[in-house]
């Protein structure tokens, strides 16, 4: 990995952008999706499955609304990944009942600048109800990622101090 960072740091801006385009095209050709949310989900599920005492999680079927993983006990997990963000991604309410329970757990996954797992925070549904905020533009819920709100979650993992 180090050899690549040395090569990349020597590239000018145009070369770096051209490399990014080629990497994205190659990922697409191989059918490998890459985005921060997907990476966070995979790292979170892997972490849960590797630790005794935490439930084993399975990736939820594609298209499952607000649910990214399922436990063997049937608990639904919504996983939101962030690096520098001040809030989680959106959580769309039920069309008919804005307070209908959508999942049992919301998991906020923090990735560091190297896209490595830095912290995992878990909120129960009831905790989510206490920390959520409404985004009028998106017509959906989110969780502010302030240290005050994160302290209300269960700390599942912390590699380094999460600075927000």
N, C-alpha and C. Protein backbone atom coordinates (compact mmCIF):
# COMPACT_ATOMS: atom_id res chain seq x y z
N UNK A 1 0.83 -1.19 0.00
CA UNK A 1 0.00 0.00 0.00
C UNK A 1 0.87 1.25 0.00
N UNK A 2 1.96 1.22 0.76
CA UNK A 2 2.83 2.38 0.87
C UNK A 2 3.40 2.77 -0.49
N UNK A 3 3.76 1.78 -1.31
CA UNK A 3 4.33 2.08 -2.62
C UNK A 3 3.36 2.89 -3.48
N UNK A 4 2.06 2.62 -3.36
CA UNK A 4 1.08 3.36 -4.13
C UNK A 4 0.99 4.80 -3.66
N UNK A 5 1.04 5.01 -2.36
CA UNK A 5 0.92 6.39 -1.87
C UNK A 5 2.09 7.24 -2.32
N UNK A 6 3.28 6.65 -2.42
CA UNK A 6 4.43 7.40 -2.92
C UNK A 6 4.23 7.78 -4.38
N UNK A 7 3.74 6.83 -5.19
CA UNK A 7 3.50 7.11 -6.61
C UNK A 7 2.42 8.16 -6.79
N UNK A 8 1.35 8.02 -6.04
CA UNK A 8 0.23 8.95 -6.17
C UNK A 8 0.64 10.36 -5.76
N UNK A 9 1.43 10.49 -4.72
CA UNK A 9 1.83 11.82 -4.25
C UNK A 9 2.69 12.56 -5.28
N UNK A 10 3.29 11.84 -6.20
CA UNK A 10 4.13 12.46 -7.24
C UNK A 10 3.32 12.88 -8.47
N UNK A 11 2.07 12.45 -8.55
CA UNK A 11 1.25 12.79 -9.72
C UNK A 11 0.76 14.23 -9.64
N UNK A 12 0.63 14.84 -10.81
CA UNK A 12 0.00 16.17 -10.80
C UNK A 12 -1.51 15.98 -10.75
N UNK A 13 -2.25 17.08 -10.64
CA UNK A 13 -3.70 16.99 -10.45
C UNK A 13 -4.40 16.28 -11.61
N UNK A 14 -4.00 16.57 -12.84
CA UNK A 14 -4.63 15.94 -14.00
C UNK A 14 -4.38 14.43 -14.02
N UNK A 15 -3.16 14.02 -13.70
CA UNK A 15 -2.85 12.59 -13.66
C UNK A 15 -3.65 11.89 -12.56
N UNK A 16 -3.78 12.55 -11.42
CA UNK A 16 -4.52 11.97 -10.31
C UNK A 16 -6.00 11.80 -10.67
N UNK A 17 -6.60 12.79 -11.31
CA UNK A 17 -7.99 12.68 -11.74
C UNK A 17 -8.16 11.58 -12.78
N UNK A 18 -7.22 11.47 -13.71
CA UNK A 18 -7.28 10.41 -14.73
C UNK A 18 -7.19 9.04 -14.08
N UNK A 19 -6.34 8.90 -13.07
CA UNK A 19 -6.22 7.63 -12.35
C UNK A 19 -7.54 7.30 -11.66
N UNK A 20 -8.16 8.28 -11.03
CA UNK A 20 -9.44 8.08 -10.35
C UNK A 20 -10.50 7.57 -11.31
N UNK A 21 -10.54 8.15 -12.50
CA UNK A 21 -11.50 7.72 -13.51
C UNK A 21 -11.23 6.27 -13.90
N UNK A 22 -9.97 5.92 -14.11
CA UNK A 22 -9.62 4.55 -14.51
C UNK A 22 -9.95 3.54 -13.40
N UNK A 23 -9.69 3.90 -12.15
CA UNK A 23 -10.01 3.01 -11.03
C UNK A 23 -11.51 2.82 -10.94
N UNK A 24 -12.29 3.90 -11.06
CA UNK A 24 -13.75 3.78 -11.01
C UNK A 24 -14.27 2.91 -12.15
N UNK A 25 -13.72 3.07 -13.34
CA UNK A 25 -14.14 2.26 -14.48
C UNK A 25 -13.81 0.79 -14.26
N UNK A 26 -12.64 0.51 -13.72
CA UNK A 26 -12.25 -0.89 -13.48
C UNK A 26 -13.12 -1.53 -12.40
N UNK A 27 -13.42 -0.78 -11.35
CA UNK A 27 -14.33 -1.29 -10.32
C UNK A 27 -15.69 -1.63 -10.92
N UNK A 28 -16.21 -0.74 -11.76
CA UNK A 28 -17.51 -0.97 -12.39
C UNK A 28 -17.45 -2.19 -13.31
N UNK A 29 -16.38 -2.32 -14.07
CA UNK A 29 -16.23 -3.46 -14.98
C UNK A 29 -16.22 -4.79 -14.22
N UNK A 30 -15.64 -4.78 -13.03
CA UNK A 30 -15.57 -5.99 -12.21
C UNK A 30 -16.82 -6.18 -11.34
N UNK A 31 -17.71 -5.21 -11.39
CA UNK A 31 -18.93 -5.32 -10.60
C UNK A 31 -18.70 -5.08 -9.12
N UNK A 32 -17.70 -4.28 -8.81
CA UNK A 32 -17.37 -3.97 -7.42
C UNK A 32 -17.87 -2.57 -7.10
N UNK A 33 -18.98 -2.48 -6.36
CA UNK A 33 -19.46 -1.14 -6.01
C UNK A 33 -18.58 -0.54 -4.92
N UNK A 34 -18.38 0.77 -4.98
CA UNK A 34 -17.62 1.41 -3.93
C UNK A 34 -18.23 2.75 -3.59
N UNK A 35 -18.66 2.86 -2.36
CA UNK A 35 -19.02 4.14 -1.78
C UNK A 35 -18.84 4.02 -0.28
N UNK A 36 -18.79 5.12 0.39
CA UNK A 36 -18.51 5.13 1.83
C UNK A 36 -19.55 4.33 2.60
N UNK A 37 -20.82 4.48 2.23
CA UNK A 37 -21.89 3.77 2.93
C UNK A 37 -21.75 2.26 2.82
N UNK A 38 -21.48 1.80 1.62
CA UNK A 38 -21.32 0.36 1.39
C UNK A 38 -20.12 -0.18 2.17
N UNK A 39 -19.03 0.56 2.14
CA UNK A 39 -17.83 0.13 2.86
C UNK A 39 -18.11 0.05 4.36
N UNK A 40 -18.77 1.06 4.90
CA UNK A 40 -19.12 1.06 6.33
C UNK A 40 -20.00 -0.12 6.70
N UNK A 41 -20.98 -0.42 5.85
CA UNK A 41 -21.86 -1.57 6.11
C UNK A 41 -21.05 -2.86 6.17
N UNK A 42 -20.18 -3.07 5.21
CA UNK A 42 -19.38 -4.30 5.16
C UNK A 42 -18.46 -4.40 6.38
N UNK A 43 -17.81 -3.30 6.74
CA UNK A 43 -16.91 -3.32 7.90
C UNK A 43 -17.69 -3.57 9.19
N UNK A 44 -18.87 -2.97 9.30
CA UNK A 44 -19.71 -3.14 10.49
C UNK A 44 -20.17 -4.59 10.61
N UNK A 45 -20.70 -5.14 9.55
CA UNK A 45 -21.18 -6.52 9.58
C UNK A 45 -20.04 -7.47 9.90
N UNK A 46 -18.89 -7.24 9.30
CA UNK A 46 -17.70 -8.07 9.58
C UNK A 46 -17.29 -7.99 11.04
N UNK A 47 -17.32 -6.77 11.59
CA UNK A 47 -16.94 -6.60 12.99
C UNK A 47 -17.91 -7.35 13.90
N UNK A 48 -19.20 -7.15 13.69
CA UNK A 48 -20.20 -7.83 14.52
C UNK A 48 -20.01 -9.35 14.46
N UNK A 49 -19.78 -9.86 13.26
CA UNK A 49 -19.66 -11.31 13.07
C UNK A 49 -18.37 -11.89 13.64
N UNK A 50 -17.40 -11.03 13.91
CA UNK A 50 -16.11 -11.52 14.42
C UNK A 50 -16.01 -11.46 15.95
N UNK A 51 -17.00 -10.86 16.60
CA UNK A 51 -16.92 -10.66 18.04
C UNK A 51 -17.96 -11.49 18.79
N UNK A 52 -17.49 -12.38 19.67
CA UNK A 52 -18.44 -13.11 20.53
C UNK A 52 -19.22 -12.10 21.38
N UNK A 53 -20.47 -12.38 21.59
CA UNK A 53 -21.30 -11.48 22.39
C UNK A 53 -22.08 -10.49 21.56
N UNK A 54 -21.68 -10.30 20.31
CA UNK A 54 -22.45 -9.44 19.40
C UNK A 54 -23.23 -10.35 18.45
N UNK A 55 -24.40 -9.92 18.03
CA UNK A 55 -25.18 -10.77 17.12
C UNK A 55 -24.50 -10.91 15.76
N UNK A 56 -24.66 -12.08 15.15
CA UNK A 56 -24.21 -12.25 13.78
C UNK A 56 -25.19 -11.53 12.88
N UNK A 57 -24.66 -10.79 11.92
CA UNK A 57 -25.49 -10.02 11.00
C UNK A 57 -25.35 -10.54 9.59
N UNK A 58 -26.44 -10.46 8.85
CA UNK A 58 -26.47 -10.79 7.43
C UNK A 58 -26.88 -9.55 6.67
N UNK A 59 -26.29 -9.35 5.50
CA UNK A 59 -26.67 -8.24 4.64
C UNK A 59 -28.15 -8.37 4.30
N UNK A 60 -28.90 -7.29 4.45
CA UNK A 60 -30.32 -7.30 4.10
C UNK A 60 -30.46 -7.36 2.58
N UNK A 61 -31.57 -7.87 2.09
CA UNK A 61 -31.79 -7.91 0.64
C UNK A 61 -31.74 -6.51 0.04
N UNK A 62 -31.26 -6.41 -1.17
CA UNK A 62 -31.21 -5.12 -1.86
C UNK A 62 -32.61 -4.53 -1.93
N UNK A 63 -32.70 -3.24 -1.72
CA UNK A 63 -33.99 -2.56 -1.79
C UNK A 63 -34.77 -2.52 -0.49
N UNK A 64 -34.25 -3.15 0.58
CA UNK A 64 -34.94 -3.11 1.87
C UNK A 64 -34.87 -1.67 2.39
N UNK A 65 -36.01 -1.07 2.63
CA UNK A 65 -36.08 0.33 3.04
C UNK A 65 -35.61 0.50 4.48
N UNK A 66 -34.58 1.32 4.68
CA UNK A 66 -34.04 1.67 5.99
C UNK A 66 -33.39 0.49 6.72
N UNK A 67 -33.24 -0.65 6.10
CA UNK A 67 -32.64 -1.81 6.76
C UNK A 67 -31.47 -2.30 5.93
N UNK A 68 -30.29 -2.39 6.57
CA UNK A 68 -29.08 -2.80 5.87
C UNK A 68 -28.60 -4.18 6.28
N UNK A 69 -28.99 -4.62 7.48
CA UNK A 69 -28.55 -5.92 7.98
C UNK A 69 -29.63 -6.50 8.88
N UNK A 70 -29.61 -7.82 8.99
CA UNK A 70 -30.55 -8.55 9.84
C UNK A 70 -29.77 -9.48 10.76
N UNK A 71 -30.22 -9.58 12.01
CA UNK A 71 -29.59 -10.53 12.93
C UNK A 71 -30.31 -11.86 12.80
N UNK A 72 -29.69 -12.90 13.32
CA UNK A 72 -30.33 -14.23 13.29
C UNK A 72 -31.62 -14.24 14.10
N UNK A 73 -31.73 -13.31 15.05
CA UNK A 73 -32.95 -13.22 15.87
C UNK A 73 -34.04 -12.39 15.19
N UNK A 74 -33.75 -11.87 13.99
CA UNK A 74 -34.74 -11.09 13.26
C UNK A 74 -34.68 -9.60 13.52
N UNK A 75 -33.71 -9.14 14.30
CA UNK A 75 -33.58 -7.70 14.53
C UNK A 75 -33.09 -7.02 13.26
N UNK A 76 -33.69 -5.87 12.98
CA UNK A 76 -33.33 -5.09 11.80
C UNK A 76 -32.34 -3.99 12.19
N UNK A 77 -31.28 -3.87 11.40
CA UNK A 77 -30.24 -2.88 11.65
C UNK A 77 -30.18 -1.90 10.48
N UNK A 78 -30.24 -0.62 10.80
CA UNK A 78 -30.01 0.43 9.82
C UNK A 78 -28.59 0.94 10.08
N UNK A 79 -27.73 0.89 9.08
CA UNK A 79 -26.33 1.25 9.25
C UNK A 79 -26.05 2.53 8.49
N UNK A 80 -25.53 3.53 9.19
CA UNK A 80 -25.19 4.81 8.59
C UNK A 80 -23.70 5.06 8.80
N UNK A 81 -23.00 5.34 7.72
CA UNK A 81 -21.56 5.52 7.77
C UNK A 81 -21.21 6.99 7.62
N UNK A 82 -20.19 7.43 8.36
CA UNK A 82 -19.73 8.81 8.22
C UNK A 82 -18.22 8.90 8.38
N UNK A 83 -17.63 9.89 7.72
CA UNK A 83 -16.21 10.20 7.89
C UNK A 83 -16.09 11.56 8.56
N UNK A 84 -16.55 12.61 7.87
CA UNK A 84 -16.44 13.97 8.40
C UNK A 84 -17.80 14.60 8.64
N UNK A 85 -18.86 13.90 8.34
CA UNK A 85 -20.21 14.46 8.37
C UNK A 85 -20.62 14.91 9.76
N UNK A 86 -21.57 15.81 9.80
CA UNK A 86 -22.14 16.32 11.04
C UNK A 86 -23.46 15.65 11.38
N UNK A 87 -23.96 14.82 10.44
CA UNK A 87 -25.20 14.10 10.67
C UNK A 87 -25.20 12.82 9.84
N UNK A 88 -26.03 11.87 10.26
CA UNK A 88 -26.15 10.63 9.50
C UNK A 88 -26.90 10.89 8.20
N UNK A 89 -26.90 9.90 7.36
CA UNK A 89 -27.75 9.96 6.18
C UNK A 89 -29.20 9.92 6.62
N UNK A 90 -30.10 10.08 5.67
CA UNK A 90 -31.52 10.17 5.98
C UNK A 90 -32.15 8.81 6.27
N UNK A 91 -33.15 8.87 7.11
CA UNK A 91 -33.96 7.71 7.48
C UNK A 91 -35.40 8.10 7.16
N UNK A 92 -35.92 7.50 6.10
CA UNK A 92 -37.25 7.89 5.63
C UNK A 92 -38.34 7.23 6.46
N UNK A 93 -39.27 8.03 6.96
CA UNK A 93 -40.37 7.48 7.77
C UNK A 93 -41.38 6.73 6.92
N UNK A 94 -42.20 5.97 7.58
CA UNK A 94 -43.33 5.31 6.92
C UNK A 94 -44.24 6.41 6.37
N UNK A 95 -44.79 6.19 5.19
CA UNK A 95 -45.63 7.20 4.55
C UNK A 95 -46.87 7.55 5.36
N UNK A 96 -47.44 6.57 6.05
CA UNK A 96 -48.69 6.78 6.79
C UNK A 96 -48.48 7.15 8.25
N UNK A 97 -47.41 6.61 8.85
CA UNK A 97 -47.18 6.82 10.28
C UNK A 97 -45.71 7.17 10.50
N UNK A 98 -45.43 8.45 10.70
CA UNK A 98 -44.04 8.92 10.85
C UNK A 98 -43.32 8.32 12.05
N UNK A 99 -44.05 7.79 13.02
CA UNK A 99 -43.42 7.22 14.22
C UNK A 99 -43.39 5.69 14.21
N UNK A 100 -43.80 5.07 13.11
CA UNK A 100 -43.77 3.62 13.00
C UNK A 100 -42.33 3.12 13.13
N UNK A 101 -42.13 2.06 13.93
CA UNK A 101 -40.79 1.52 14.13
C UNK A 101 -40.30 0.89 12.83
N UNK A 102 -39.12 1.34 12.38
CA UNK A 102 -38.56 0.92 11.11
C UNK A 102 -37.44 -0.11 11.27
N UNK A 103 -36.82 -0.13 12.44
CA UNK A 103 -35.71 -1.02 12.72
C UNK A 103 -35.57 -1.14 14.22
N UNK A 104 -34.81 -2.14 14.66
CA UNK A 104 -34.55 -2.29 16.10
C UNK A 104 -33.32 -1.50 16.52
N UNK A 105 -32.35 -1.37 15.61
CA UNK A 105 -31.10 -0.68 15.93
C UNK A 105 -30.64 0.20 14.77
N UNK A 106 -30.16 1.37 15.14
CA UNK A 106 -29.46 2.24 14.21
C UNK A 106 -27.99 2.19 14.59
N UNK A 107 -27.14 1.91 13.64
CA UNK A 107 -25.71 1.83 13.91
C UNK A 107 -25.02 2.94 13.12
N UNK A 108 -24.26 3.78 13.81
CA UNK A 108 -23.46 4.82 13.17
C UNK A 108 -22.02 4.33 13.14
N UNK A 109 -21.47 4.23 11.95
CA UNK A 109 -20.12 3.72 11.74
C UNK A 109 -19.22 4.88 11.33
N UNK A 110 -18.17 5.11 12.10
CA UNK A 110 -17.22 6.17 11.78
C UNK A 110 -15.99 5.57 11.12
N UNK A 111 -15.63 6.11 9.94
CA UNK A 111 -14.41 5.71 9.24
C UNK A 111 -13.40 6.84 9.35
N UNK A 112 -12.13 6.49 9.54
CA UNK A 112 -11.09 7.52 9.61
C UNK A 112 -10.68 7.95 8.20
N UNK A 113 -9.70 8.80 8.09
CA UNK A 113 -9.29 9.34 6.79
C UNK A 113 -8.75 8.27 5.85
N UNK A 114 -8.33 7.13 6.40
CA UNK A 114 -7.84 6.03 5.58
C UNK A 114 -8.93 4.99 5.28
N UNK A 115 -10.17 5.36 5.56
CA UNK A 115 -11.34 4.49 5.34
C UNK A 115 -11.28 3.24 6.20
N UNK A 116 -10.65 3.35 7.34
CA UNK A 116 -10.59 2.24 8.30
C UNK A 116 -11.64 2.47 9.38
N UNK A 117 -12.10 1.37 9.96
CA UNK A 117 -13.08 1.43 11.02
C UNK A 117 -12.49 2.17 12.22
N UNK A 118 -13.14 3.23 12.64
CA UNK A 118 -12.68 4.03 13.76
C UNK A 118 -13.58 3.85 14.99
N UNK A 119 -14.90 3.79 14.76
CA UNK A 119 -15.84 3.63 15.87
C UNK A 119 -17.17 3.10 15.35
N UNK A 120 -17.86 2.39 16.25
CA UNK A 120 -19.22 1.91 15.95
C UNK A 120 -20.10 2.28 17.15
N UNK A 121 -21.18 2.99 16.87
CA UNK A 121 -22.14 3.41 17.88
C UNK A 121 -23.47 2.74 17.55
N UNK A 122 -24.16 2.23 18.59
CA UNK A 122 -25.45 1.56 18.35
C UNK A 122 -26.53 2.21 19.20
N UNK A 123 -27.62 2.59 18.54
CA UNK A 123 -28.79 3.14 19.20
C UNK A 123 -29.93 2.13 19.09
N UNK A 124 -30.66 1.94 20.17
CA UNK A 124 -31.91 1.19 20.08
C UNK A 124 -32.94 2.09 19.41
N UNK A 125 -34.07 1.55 19.05
CA UNK A 125 -35.14 2.36 18.47
C UNK A 125 -35.54 3.48 19.42
N UNK A 126 -35.70 3.16 20.71
CA UNK A 126 -36.11 4.18 21.68
C UNK A 126 -35.05 5.28 21.81
N UNK A 127 -33.78 4.91 21.77
CA UNK A 127 -32.71 5.91 21.82
C UNK A 127 -32.72 6.76 20.55
N UNK A 128 -32.96 6.13 19.42
CA UNK A 128 -33.07 6.86 18.16
C UNK A 128 -34.17 7.92 18.25
N UNK A 129 -35.32 7.55 18.82
CA UNK A 129 -36.41 8.51 18.95
C UNK A 129 -36.00 9.73 19.76
N UNK A 130 -35.10 9.55 20.72
CA UNK A 130 -34.65 10.67 21.56
C UNK A 130 -33.62 11.57 20.88
N UNK A 131 -32.83 11.02 19.95
CA UNK A 131 -31.74 11.80 19.35
C UNK A 131 -32.03 12.26 17.92
N UNK A 132 -33.07 11.76 17.31
CA UNK A 132 -33.33 12.07 15.91
C UNK A 132 -33.72 13.54 15.72
N UNK A 133 -33.53 13.99 14.52
CA UNK A 133 -33.92 15.35 14.13
C UNK A 133 -34.57 15.25 12.75
N UNK A 134 -35.38 16.23 12.41
CA UNK A 134 -36.13 16.21 11.16
C UNK A 134 -35.45 17.10 10.12
N UNK A 135 -35.25 16.56 8.94
CA UNK A 135 -34.70 17.31 7.81
C UNK A 135 -35.88 17.69 6.92
N UNK A 136 -36.29 18.95 6.97
CA UNK A 136 -37.46 19.39 6.22
C UNK A 136 -37.25 19.29 4.71
N UNK A 137 -36.03 19.56 4.26
CA UNK A 137 -35.75 19.50 2.82
C UNK A 137 -35.88 18.09 2.29
N UNK A 138 -35.38 17.09 3.06
CA UNK A 138 -35.42 15.69 2.63
C UNK A 138 -36.69 14.99 3.08
N UNK A 139 -37.43 15.64 3.98
CA UNK A 139 -38.66 15.05 4.54
C UNK A 139 -38.34 13.68 5.18
N UNK A 140 -37.30 13.70 6.01
CA UNK A 140 -36.81 12.46 6.61
C UNK A 140 -36.07 12.76 7.92
N UNK A 141 -35.84 11.71 8.70
CA UNK A 141 -35.10 11.82 9.95
C UNK A 141 -33.60 11.70 9.71
N UNK A 142 -32.83 12.18 10.66
CA UNK A 142 -31.38 11.96 10.70
C UNK A 142 -30.96 12.05 12.15
N UNK A 143 -29.72 11.66 12.44
CA UNK A 143 -29.17 11.81 13.78
C UNK A 143 -27.98 12.77 13.70
N UNK A 144 -28.03 13.88 14.46
CA UNK A 144 -26.88 14.76 14.52
C UNK A 144 -25.69 13.99 15.13
N UNK A 145 -24.51 14.17 14.56
CA UNK A 145 -23.34 13.42 15.03
C UNK A 145 -22.48 14.27 15.96
N UNK A 146 -23.11 14.86 16.93
CA UNK A 146 -22.39 15.63 17.94
C UNK A 146 -21.90 14.68 19.03
N UNK A 147 -20.90 15.08 19.77
CA UNK A 147 -20.41 14.22 20.85
C UNK A 147 -21.52 13.99 21.89
N UNK A 148 -22.37 14.99 22.09
CA UNK A 148 -23.49 14.84 23.04
C UNK A 148 -24.44 13.72 22.61
N UNK A 149 -24.78 13.67 21.32
CA UNK A 149 -25.70 12.64 20.81
C UNK A 149 -25.01 11.27 20.77
N UNK A 150 -23.74 11.25 20.41
CA UNK A 150 -23.02 9.96 20.33
C UNK A 150 -22.83 9.34 21.71
N UNK A 151 -22.75 10.16 22.74
CA UNK A 151 -22.61 9.64 24.10
C UNK A 151 -23.85 8.88 24.56
N UNK A 152 -24.99 9.14 23.92
CA UNK A 152 -26.23 8.46 24.27
C UNK A 152 -26.32 7.07 23.64
N UNK A 153 -25.42 6.77 22.72
CA UNK A 153 -25.40 5.47 22.05
C UNK A 153 -24.51 4.50 22.82
N UNK A 154 -24.69 3.22 22.55
CA UNK A 154 -23.79 2.20 23.09
C UNK A 154 -22.55 2.17 22.21
N UNK A 155 -21.38 2.33 22.84
CA UNK A 155 -20.12 2.27 22.10
C UNK A 155 -19.79 0.79 21.88
N UNK A 156 -19.86 0.35 20.64
CA UNK A 156 -19.57 -1.04 20.31
C UNK A 156 -18.08 -1.21 20.06
N UNK A 157 -17.47 -0.22 19.42
CA UNK A 157 -16.04 -0.28 19.08
C UNK A 157 -15.50 1.13 19.01
N UNK A 158 -14.25 1.29 19.47
CA UNK A 158 -13.57 2.57 19.29
C UNK A 158 -12.09 2.30 19.14
N UNK A 159 -11.57 2.63 17.98
CA UNK A 159 -10.14 2.47 17.70
C UNK A 159 -9.36 3.69 18.15
N UNK A 160 -9.94 4.82 17.92
CA UNK A 160 -9.28 6.09 18.24
C UNK A 160 -10.35 7.08 18.67
N UNK A 161 -9.94 8.16 19.24
CA UNK A 161 -10.89 9.18 19.65
C UNK A 161 -11.58 9.74 18.41
N UNK A 162 -12.87 9.71 18.40
CA UNK A 162 -13.67 10.23 17.28
C UNK A 162 -13.82 11.73 17.47
N UNK A 163 -13.20 12.49 16.61
CA UNK A 163 -13.25 13.95 16.71
C UNK A 163 -14.27 14.47 15.72
N UNK A 164 -15.27 15.18 16.23
CA UNK A 164 -16.31 15.73 15.36
C UNK A 164 -16.26 17.22 15.34
